[in-house]
């Protein structure tokens, strides 16, 4: 005789959890992106730091931390490594010396040209069309934003 399972038991499978789908997709994404990062000589957090500075140079450490969802205590050692690699500079803000401004060097800006086209690697690996990829990216960003809003004051 077949054992009956309740809907609650069925829903409890790991593959049914959105959080696990996002987590495991992130791990799979990282595997696809690994050769790209190795070609650039960067870790993923270093890479997104450089991208953020391409978009807006001279950000503060605090602002950059908020943009990247990283703790300032995580940012400082990473920024020191990127500075040692010659990709950025850290300087005290002239108007408020409590703030440190992060700026790309010429070598940091050249990474942009070296990195062009790498985004297509992950889109191709996803098996999605360009339109589907963009739609999914916007949906995931919306999910993240909603979760961040819902978690304010709860953590």
C-alpha atoms as a PDB file:
ATOM      1  CA  UNK A   1       0.000   0.000   0.000  1.00  0.00           C
ATOM      2  CA  UNK A   2       1.404   3.428  -0.986  1.00  0.00           C
ATOM      3  CA  UNK A   3       2.171   5.805   1.828  1.00  0.00           C
ATOM      4  CA  UNK A   4       0.170   9.032   1.644  1.00  0.00           C
ATOM      5  CA  UNK A   5       1.991  12.305   2.137  1.00  0.00           C
ATOM      6  CA  UNK A   6       0.329  15.480   3.279  1.00  0.00           C
ATOM      7  CA  UNK A   7       0.633  18.693   1.228  1.00  0.00           C
ATOM      8  CA  UNK A   8       2.746  20.101   4.055  1.00  0.00           C
ATOM      9  CA  UNK A   9       5.229  17.211   3.765  1.00  0.00           C
ATOM     10  CA  UNK A  10       5.359  17.655  -0.016  1.00  0.00           C
ATOM     11  CA  UNK A  11       6.089  21.377   0.345  1.00  0.00           C
ATOM     12  CA  UNK A  12       8.935  20.664   2.744  1.00  0.00           C
ATOM     13  CA  UNK A  13      11.271  19.337   0.033  1.00  0.00           C
ATOM     14  CA  UNK A  14      14.489  21.289  -0.247  1.00  0.00           C
ATOM     15  CA  UNK A  15      13.985  21.971  -3.959  1.00  0.00           C
ATOM     16  CA  UNK A  16      10.714  23.739  -3.133  1.00  0.00           C
ATOM     17  CA  UNK A  17      12.362  26.399  -0.976  1.00  0.00           C
ATOM     18  CA  UNK A  18      12.901  29.710  -2.799  1.00  0.00           C
ATOM     19  CA  UNK A  19      15.864  30.482  -0.537  1.00  0.00           C
ATOM     20  CA  UNK A  20      17.586  27.260  -1.599  1.00  0.00           C
ATOM     21  CA  UNK A  21      16.901  27.953  -5.269  1.00  0.00           C
ATOM     22  CA  UNK A  22      18.513  31.398  -4.949  1.00  0.00           C
ATOM     23  CA  UNK A  23      21.413  30.050  -2.866  1.00  0.00           C
ATOM     24  CA  UNK A  24      22.166  27.164  -5.225  1.00  0.00           C
ATOM     25  CA  UNK A  25      21.749  29.375  -8.312  1.00  0.00           C
ATOM     26  CA  UNK A  26      24.326  31.722  -6.779  1.00  0.00           C
ATOM     27  CA  UNK A  27      26.747  28.825  -6.337  1.00  0.00           C
ATOM     28  CA  UNK A  28      26.183  27.676  -9.927  1.00  0.00           C
ATOM     29  CA  UNK A  29      26.590  31.256 -11.162  1.00  0.00           C
ATOM     30  CA  UNK A  30      29.893  31.487  -9.294  1.00  0.00           C
ATOM     31  CA  UNK A  31      31.162  28.343 -11.006  1.00  0.00           C
ATOM     32  CA  UNK A  32      30.395  29.785 -14.439  1.00  0.00           C
ATOM     33  CA  UNK A  33      31.949  33.119 -13.494  1.00  0.00           C
ATOM     34  CA  UNK A  34      35.113  31.621 -11.974  1.00  0.00           C
ATOM     35  CA  UNK A  35      37.148  31.599 -15.233  1.00  0.00           C
ATOM     36  CA  UNK A  36      36.077  35.192 -15.910  1.00  0.00           C
ATOM     37  CA  UNK A  37      37.270  36.309 -12.480  1.00  0.00           C
ATOM     38  CA  UNK A  38      40.504  34.339 -12.836  1.00  0.00           C
ATOM     39  CA  UNK A  39      41.170  36.041 -16.181  1.00  0.00           C
ATOM     40  CA  UNK A  40      40.777  39.406 -14.439  1.00  0.00           C
ATOM     41  CA  UNK A  41      42.733  38.308 -11.357  1.00  0.00           C
ATOM     42  CA  UNK A  42      39.899  39.305  -9.031  1.00  0.00           C
ATOM     43  CA  UNK A  43      37.553  37.786  -6.498  1.00  0.00           C
ATOM     44  CA  UNK A  44      33.835  38.363  -6.966  1.00  0.00           C
ATOM     45  CA  UNK A  45      33.615  41.046  -4.226  1.00  0.00           C
ATOM     46  CA  UNK A  46      36.623  42.805  -5.785  1.00  0.00           C
ATOM     47  CA  UNK A  47      34.980  42.599  -9.213  1.00  0.00           C
ATOM     48  CA  UNK A  48      31.684  44.137  -8.086  1.00  0.00           C
ATOM     49  CA  UNK A  49      33.631  46.847  -6.243  1.00  0.00           C
ATOM     50  CA  UNK A  50      35.418  47.768  -9.474  1.00  0.00           C
ATOM     51  CA  UNK A  51      32.104  47.728 -11.399  1.00  0.00           C
ATOM     52  CA  UNK A  52      30.470  49.993  -8.817  1.00  0.00           C
ATOM     53  CA  UNK A  53      33.380  52.424  -9.092  1.00  0.00           C
ATOM     54  CA  UNK A  54      33.108  52.369 -12.904  1.00  0.00           C
ATOM     55  CA  UNK A  55      29.518  53.527 -12.454  1.00  0.00           C
ATOM     56  CA  UNK A  56      30.353  56.170  -9.847  1.00  0.00           C
ATOM     57  CA  UNK A  57      33.917  57.026  -8.943  1.00  0.00           C
ATOM     58  CA  UNK A  58      34.948  58.649  -5.643  1.00  0.00           C
ATOM     59  CA  UNK A  59      32.414  56.817  -3.493  1.00  0.00           C
ATOM     60  CA  UNK A  60      32.834  56.709   0.260  1.00  0.00           C
ATOM     61  CA  UNK A  61      33.627  53.392   1.928  1.00  0.00           C
ATOM     62  CA  UNK A  62      30.262  53.594   3.710  1.00  0.00           C
ATOM     63  CA  UNK A  63      28.346  54.283   0.487  1.00  0.00           C
ATOM     64  CA  UNK A  64      30.186  51.542  -1.376  1.00  0.00           C
ATOM     65  CA  UNK A  65      29.488  49.102   1.473  1.00  0.00           C
ATOM     66  CA  UNK A  66      25.765  49.873   1.298  1.00  0.00           C
ATOM     67  CA  UNK A  67      25.682  49.542  -2.496  1.00  0.00           C
ATOM     68  CA  UNK A  68      27.405  46.149  -2.397  1.00  0.00           C
ATOM     69  CA  UNK A  69      25.585  44.806   0.705  1.00  0.00           C
ATOM     70  CA  UNK A  70      28.959  44.297   2.428  1.00  0.00           C
ATOM     71  CA  UNK A  71      30.017  45.316   5.924  1.00  0.00           C
ATOM     72  CA  UNK A  72      32.551  48.179   6.117  1.00  0.00           C
ATOM     73  CA  UNK A  73      34.803  45.843   8.135  1.00  0.00           C
ATOM     74  CA  UNK A  74      34.819  43.511   5.103  1.00  0.00           C
ATOM     75  CA  UNK A  75      35.413  46.360   2.679  1.00  0.00           C
ATOM     76  CA  UNK A  76      38.530  47.846   4.260  1.00  0.00           C
ATOM     77  CA  UNK A  77      40.881  44.843   3.822  1.00  0.00           C
ATOM     78  CA  UNK A  78      39.540  44.232   0.314  1.00  0.00           C
ATOM     79  CA  UNK A  79      40.042  47.884  -0.659  1.00  0.00           C
ATOM     80  CA  UNK A  80      43.593  47.738   0.706  1.00  0.00           C
ATOM     81  CA  UNK A  81      44.282  44.696  -1.524  1.00  0.00           C
ATOM     82  CA  UNK A  82      42.804  46.434  -4.586  1.00  0.00           C
ATOM     83  CA  UNK A  83      44.917  49.493  -3.800  1.00  0.00           C
ATOM     84  CA  UNK A  84      48.045  47.302  -3.532  1.00  0.00           C
ATOM     85  CA  UNK A  85      47.119  45.806  -6.925  1.00  0.00           C
ATOM     86  CA  UNK A  86      47.105  49.342  -8.351  1.00  0.00           C
ATOM     87  CA  UNK A  87      43.395  49.470  -9.213  1.00  0.00           C
ATOM     88  CA  UNK A  88      42.213  52.172  -6.819  1.00  0.00           C
ATOM     89  CA  UNK A  89      43.250  54.835  -4.365  1.00  0.00           C
ATOM     90  CA  UNK A  90      41.863  55.642  -0.938  1.00  0.00           C
ATOM     91  CA  UNK A  91      41.961  59.254   0.234  1.00  0.00           C
ATOM     92  CA  UNK A  92      40.401  61.185   3.105  1.00  0.00           C
ATOM     93  CA  UNK A  93      37.520  63.414   2.027  1.00  0.00           C
ATOM     94  CA  UNK A  94      38.660  67.062   2.084  1.00  0.00           C
ATOM     95  CA  UNK A  95      35.273  68.219   3.414  1.00  0.00           C
ATOM     96  CA  UNK A  96      34.888  65.512   6.059  1.00  0.00           C
ATOM     97  CA  UNK A  97      38.038  63.636   7.048  1.00  0.00           C
ATOM     98  CA  UNK A  98      35.966  60.896   8.700  1.00  0.00           C
ATOM     99  CA  UNK A  99      35.070  59.702   5.198  1.00  0.00           C
ATOM    100  CA  UNK A 100      37.448  57.831   2.919  1.00  0.00           C
ATOM    101  CA  UNK A 101      36.869  58.293  -0.820  1.00  0.00           C
ATOM    102  CA  UNK A 102      37.612  55.436  -3.204  1.00  0.00           C
ATOM    103  CA  UNK A 103      38.745  56.243  -6.755  1.00  0.00           C
ATOM    104  CA  UNK A 104      39.770  54.072  -9.666  1.00  0.00           C
ATOM    105  CA  UNK A 105      43.251  54.437 -11.097  1.00  0.00           C
ATOM    106  CA  UNK A 106      43.923  54.243 -14.824  1.00  0.00           C
ATOM    107  CA  UNK A 107      44.719  50.533 -14.340  1.00  0.00           C
ATOM    108  CA  UNK A 108      41.351  50.090 -12.610  1.00  0.00           C
ATOM    109  CA  UNK A 109      39.566  51.786 -15.499  1.00  0.00           C
ATOM    110  CA  UNK A 110      41.408  49.572 -18.004  1.00  0.00           C
ATOM    111  CA  UNK A 111      39.918  46.519 -16.278  1.00  0.00           C
ATOM    112  CA  UNK A 112      36.594  47.652 -17.700  1.00  0.00           C
ATOM    113  CA  UNK A 113      37.780  47.121 -21.255  1.00  0.00           C
ATOM    114  CA  UNK A 114      39.327  43.785 -20.291  1.00  0.00           C
ATOM    115  CA  UNK A 115      36.038  42.715 -18.709  1.00  0.00           C
ATOM    116  CA  UNK A 116      33.770  43.704 -21.611  1.00  0.00           C
ATOM    117  CA  UNK A 117      31.996  40.731 -23.092  1.00  0.00           C
ATOM    118  CA  UNK A 118      32.260  38.592 -19.968  1.00  0.00           C
ATOM    119  CA  UNK A 119      28.618  39.305 -19.117  1.00  0.00           C
ATOM    120  CA  UNK A 120      27.646  37.373 -22.212  1.00  0.00           C
ATOM    121  CA  UNK A 121      29.352  34.283 -20.793  1.00  0.00           C
ATOM    122  CA  UNK A 122      26.801  33.984 -17.994  1.00  0.00           C
ATOM    123  CA  UNK A 123      23.847  34.921 -20.180  1.00  0.00           C
ATOM    124  CA  UNK A 124      24.813  32.200 -22.643  1.00  0.00           C
ATOM    125  CA  UNK A 125      25.354  29.671 -19.847  1.00  0.00           C
ATOM    126  CA  UNK A 126      21.905  30.494 -18.440  1.00  0.00           C
ATOM    127  CA  UNK A 127      20.161  29.186 -21.539  1.00  0.00           C
ATOM    128  CA  UNK A 128      17.924  32.256 -21.492  1.00  0.00           C
ATOM    129  CA  UNK A 129      17.331  34.759 -24.258  1.00  0.00           C
ATOM    130  CA  UNK A 130      18.578  38.312 -23.667  1.00  0.00           C
ATOM    131  CA  UNK A 131      15.010  39.385 -22.897  1.00  0.00           C
ATOM    132  CA  UNK A 132      14.410  36.489 -20.478  1.00  0.00           C
ATOM    133  CA  UNK A 133      17.751  37.170 -18.780  1.00  0.00           C
ATOM    134  CA  UNK A 134      16.880  40.847 -18.251  1.00  0.00           C
ATOM    135  CA  UNK A 135      13.389  39.973 -16.990  1.00  0.00           C
ATOM    136  CA  UNK A 136      14.810  37.458 -14.505  1.00  0.00           C
ATOM    137  CA  UNK A 137      17.506  39.901 -13.346  1.00  0.00           C
ATOM    138  CA  UNK A 138      14.853  42.547 -12.657  1.00  0.00           C
ATOM    139  CA  UNK A 139      12.638  40.032 -10.847  1.00  0.00           C
ATOM    140  CA  UNK A 140      15.507  38.853  -8.627  1.00  0.00           C
ATOM    141  CA  UNK A 141      16.500  42.484  -7.878  1.00  0.00           C
ATOM    142  CA  UNK A 142      12.866  43.218  -6.977  1.00  0.00           C
ATOM    143  CA  UNK A 143      12.786  40.171  -4.699  1.00  0.00           C
ATOM    144  CA  UNK A 144      16.003  41.323  -3.011  1.00  0.00           C
ATOM    145  CA  UNK A 145      14.649  44.835  -2.519  1.00  0.00           C
ATOM    146  CA  UNK A 146      11.384  43.538  -1.049  1.00  0.00           C
ATOM    147  CA  UNK A 147      13.253  41.225   1.315  1.00  0.00           C
ATOM    148  CA  UNK A 148      15.586  44.042   2.402  1.00  0.00           C
ATOM    149  CA  UNK A 149      12.578  46.274   3.115  1.00  0.00           C
ATOM    150  CA  UNK A 150      10.806  43.516   5.037  1.00  0.00           C
ATOM    151  CA  UNK A 151      13.912  42.745   7.105  1.00  0.00           C
ATOM    152  CA  UNK A 152      14.619  46.326   8.228  1.00  0.00           C
ATOM    153  CA  UNK A 153      14.540  46.389  11.983  1.00  0.00           C
ATOM    154  CA  UNK A 154      14.022  42.642  12.257  1.00  0.00           C
ATOM    155  CA  UNK A 155      17.641  41.545  12.268  1.00  0.00           C
END
